[in-house]
Amino acid sequence: MSWARMRDQLHQRCMAKLNDGSAEYRGPEGSPVVLSIPVMVDFNPMQTGPQGTWRSEQIMVTWQRHLLCEAAAVRGGVFLFCGRRLVVEDVVSDGHMVTAACMEDE
């Protein structure tokens, strides 16, 4: 079994066991909707900075890159998850998994 195949299996198993449900993504300015993306959602994650560690107000949404690439998920886009609107502020990727730092739109 190749390294890439083992990595892909790991990501699939992680998402199968750790996902918090499915989300819908809507890009800014009416770009096409992406339905039913399995996501992991972390509310109020801990962040570290020069002043130490603190609990942030952000919500982190993580998904597999092949379902929605980081170039498609941009600032101002919205994830709809469990009746909440999570507005994307920043996106980071390791090439396989993508995480968006979001704020809830009330």
C-alpha atoms as a PDB file:
ATOM      1  CA  MET A   1       0.000   0.000   0.000  1.00  0.00           C
ATOM      2  CA  SER A   2       1.401   3.375  -0.995  1.00  0.00           C
ATOM      3  CA  TRP A   3       1.856   6.311   1.362  1.00  0.00           C
ATOM      4  CA  ALA A   4      -0.748   8.388  -0.500  1.00  0.00           C
ATOM      5  CA  ARG A   5      -3.327   5.605  -0.250  1.00  0.00           C
ATOM      6  CA  MET A   6      -2.694   5.179   3.508  1.00  0.00           C
ATOM      7  CA  ARG A   7      -2.987   8.962   4.015  1.00  0.00           C
ATOM      8  CA  ASP A   8      -6.271   9.072   2.091  1.00  0.00           C
ATOM      9  CA  GLN A   9      -7.647   6.164   4.133  1.00  0.00           C
ATOM     10  CA  LEU A  10      -6.658   7.962   7.340  1.00  0.00           C
ATOM     11  CA  HIS A  11      -8.461  11.139   6.260  1.00  0.00           C
ATOM     12  CA  GLN A  12     -11.578   9.190   5.247  1.00  0.00           C
ATOM     13  CA  ARG A  13     -11.667   7.325   8.563  1.00  0.00           C
ATOM     14  CA  CYS A  14     -11.104  10.514  10.561  1.00  0.00           C
ATOM     15  CA  MET A  15     -13.965  12.259   8.785  1.00  0.00           C
ATOM     16  CA  ALA A  16     -16.219   9.214   9.191  1.00  0.00           C
ATOM     17  CA  LYS A  17     -15.590   9.034  12.956  1.00  0.00           C
ATOM     18  CA  LEU A  18     -15.054  12.682  13.911  1.00  0.00           C
ATOM     19  CA  ASN A  19     -17.379  14.659  11.651  1.00  0.00           C
ATOM     20  CA  ASP A  20     -20.063  16.740  13.336  1.00  0.00           C
ATOM     21  CA  GLY A  21     -22.493  16.559  10.424  1.00  0.00           C
ATOM     22  CA  SER A  22     -22.901  18.053   6.992  1.00  0.00           C
ATOM     23  CA  ALA A  23     -22.774  21.704   6.016  1.00  0.00           C
ATOM     24  CA  GLU A  24     -23.775  23.693   2.976  1.00  0.00           C
ATOM     25  CA  TYR A  25     -21.358  26.271   1.563  1.00  0.00           C
ATOM     26  CA  ARG A  26     -22.485  29.439  -0.209  1.00  0.00           C
ATOM     27  CA  GLY A  27     -19.856  31.669  -1.722  1.00  0.00           C
ATOM     28  CA  PRO A  28     -20.020  35.453  -1.569  1.00  0.00           C
ATOM     29  CA  GLU A  29     -21.983  37.301  -4.241  1.00  0.00           C
ATOM     30  CA  GLY A  30     -24.180  34.349  -5.184  1.00  0.00           C
ATOM     31  CA  SER A  31     -21.546  31.887  -6.349  1.00  0.00           C
ATOM     32  CA  PRO A  32     -22.759  28.269  -6.642  1.00  0.00           C
ATOM     33  CA  VAL A  33     -23.873  26.373  -3.551  1.00  0.00           C
ATOM     34  CA  VAL A  34     -22.006  23.231  -2.448  1.00  0.00           C
ATOM     35  CA  LEU A  35     -24.347  20.871  -0.587  1.00  0.00           C
ATOM     36  CA  SER A  36     -23.705  18.219   2.057  1.00  0.00           C
ATOM     37  CA  ILE A  37     -20.007  18.629   2.896  1.00  0.00           C
ATOM     38  CA  PRO A  38     -19.032  16.482   5.916  1.00  0.00           C
ATOM     39  CA  VAL A  39     -17.372  18.867   8.391  1.00  0.00           C
ATOM     40  CA  MET A  40     -15.714  18.914  11.801  1.00  0.00           C
ATOM     41  CA  VAL A  41     -16.718  22.016  13.778  1.00  0.00           C
ATOM     42  CA  ASP A  42     -14.804  23.367  16.788  1.00  0.00           C
ATOM     43  CA  PHE A  43     -16.551  26.092  18.780  1.00  0.00           C
ATOM     44  CA  ASN A  44     -14.368  28.503  20.800  1.00  0.00           C
ATOM     45  CA  PRO A  45     -10.978  26.856  20.171  1.00  0.00           C
ATOM     46  CA  MET A  46      -7.976  27.704  22.310  1.00  0.00           C
ATOM     47  CA  GLN A  47      -5.464  30.052  20.682  1.00  0.00           C
ATOM     48  CA  THR A  48      -1.919  30.901  21.665  1.00  0.00           C
ATOM     49  CA  GLY A  49      -0.243  34.271  21.286  1.00  0.00           C
ATOM     50  CA  PRO A  50       2.363  36.523  22.907  1.00  0.00           C
ATOM     51  CA  GLN A  51       0.090  37.078  25.928  1.00  0.00           C
ATOM     52  CA  GLY A  52      -0.462  33.346  26.510  1.00  0.00           C
ATOM     53  CA  THR A  53      -3.381  31.017  25.758  1.00  0.00           C
ATOM     54  CA  TRP A  54      -7.027  32.064  25.610  1.00  0.00           C
ATOM     55  CA  ARG A  55     -10.370  30.815  24.353  1.00  0.00           C
ATOM     56  CA  SER A  56     -11.307  32.557  21.111  1.00  0.00           C
ATOM     57  CA  GLU A  57     -14.718  33.578  19.820  1.00  0.00           C
ATOM     58  CA  GLN A  58     -14.085  31.936  16.454  1.00  0.00           C
ATOM     59  CA  ILE A  59     -15.584  28.764  15.097  1.00  0.00           C
ATOM     60  CA  MET A  60     -13.311  26.460  13.100  1.00  0.00           C
ATOM     61  CA  VAL A  61     -14.812  24.418  10.266  1.00  0.00           C
ATOM     62  CA  THR A  62     -12.664  21.634   8.760  1.00  0.00           C
ATOM     63  CA  TRP A  63     -13.358  19.508   5.673  1.00  0.00           C
ATOM     64  CA  GLN A  64     -11.544  17.393   3.084  1.00  0.00           C
ATOM     65  CA  ARG A  65      -9.994  19.496   0.329  1.00  0.00           C
ATOM     66  CA  HIS A  66     -11.290  17.390  -2.567  1.00  0.00           C
ATOM     67  CA  LEU A  67     -14.891  18.248  -1.546  1.00  0.00           C
ATOM     68  CA  LEU A  68     -14.315  22.013  -1.588  1.00  0.00           C
ATOM     69  CA  CYS A  69     -10.877  23.468  -2.354  1.00  0.00           C
ATOM     70  CA  GLU A  70      -9.522  26.359  -0.319  1.00  0.00           C
ATOM     71  CA  ALA A  71      -9.674  28.647  -3.359  1.00  0.00           C
ATOM     72  CA  ALA A  72     -13.470  28.196  -3.474  1.00  0.00           C
ATOM     73  CA  ALA A  73     -13.980  28.886   0.241  1.00  0.00           C
ATOM     74  CA  VAL A  74     -13.140  32.566   0.539  1.00  0.00           C
ATOM     75  CA  ARG A  75     -13.612  35.389   3.028  1.00  0.00           C
ATOM     76  CA  GLY A  76     -17.286  36.324   3.120  1.00  0.00           C
ATOM     77  CA  GLY A  77     -18.496  32.866   2.133  1.00  0.00           C
ATOM     78  CA  VAL A  78     -21.030  31.214   4.440  1.00  0.00           C
ATOM     79  CA  PHE A  79     -21.339  27.716   5.863  1.00  0.00           C
ATOM     80  CA  LEU A  80     -24.848  26.732   6.922  1.00  0.00           C
ATOM     81  CA  PHE A  81     -24.489  24.220   9.750  1.00  0.00           C
ATOM     82  CA  CYS A  82     -27.259  23.091  12.126  1.00  0.00           C
ATOM     83  CA  GLY A  83     -29.270  26.270  11.512  1.00  0.00           C
ATOM     84  CA  ARG A  84     -26.259  28.549  12.061  1.00  0.00           C
ATOM     85  CA  ARG A  85     -24.661  30.882   9.519  1.00  0.00           C
ATOM     86  CA  LEU A  86     -20.878  30.705   9.855  1.00  0.00           C
ATOM     87  CA  VAL A  87     -19.165  33.477   7.887  1.00  0.00           C
ATOM     88  CA  VAL A  88     -15.638  32.659   6.665  1.00  0.00           C
ATOM     89  CA  GLU A  89     -12.900  35.059   7.795  1.00  0.00           C
ATOM     90  CA  ASP A  90      -9.737  33.135   6.916  1.00  0.00           C
ATOM     91  CA  VAL A  91      -8.826  29.785   5.327  1.00  0.00           C
ATOM     92  CA  VAL A  92      -5.767  27.561   5.829  1.00  0.00           C
ATOM     93  CA  SER A  93      -4.921  24.239   4.201  1.00  0.00           C
ATOM     94  CA  ASP A  94      -2.302  21.529   4.525  1.00  0.00           C
ATOM     95  CA  GLY A  95      -3.078  20.338   1.006  1.00  0.00           C
ATOM     96  CA  HIS A  96      -5.465  17.589   2.140  1.00  0.00           C
ATOM     97  CA  MET A  97      -7.665  19.104   4.852  1.00  0.00           C
ATOM     98  CA  VAL A  98      -8.924  22.697   4.861  1.00  0.00           C
ATOM     99  CA  THR A  99      -9.885  24.739   7.920  1.00  0.00           C
ATOM    100  CA  ALA A 100     -11.848  27.976   7.862  1.00  0.00           C
ATOM    101  CA  ALA A 101     -11.896  30.392  10.799  1.00  0.00           C
ATOM    102  CA  CYS A 102     -15.491  31.638  10.981  1.00  0.00           C
ATOM    103  CA  MET A 103     -17.717  33.934  13.017  1.00  0.00           C
ATOM    104  CA  GLU A 104     -21.391  33.267  13.565  1.00  0.00           C
ATOM    105  CA  ASP A 105     -23.784  35.646  11.817  1.00  0.00           C
ATOM    106  CA  GLU A 106     -26.769  36.278  14.059  1.00  0.00           C
END
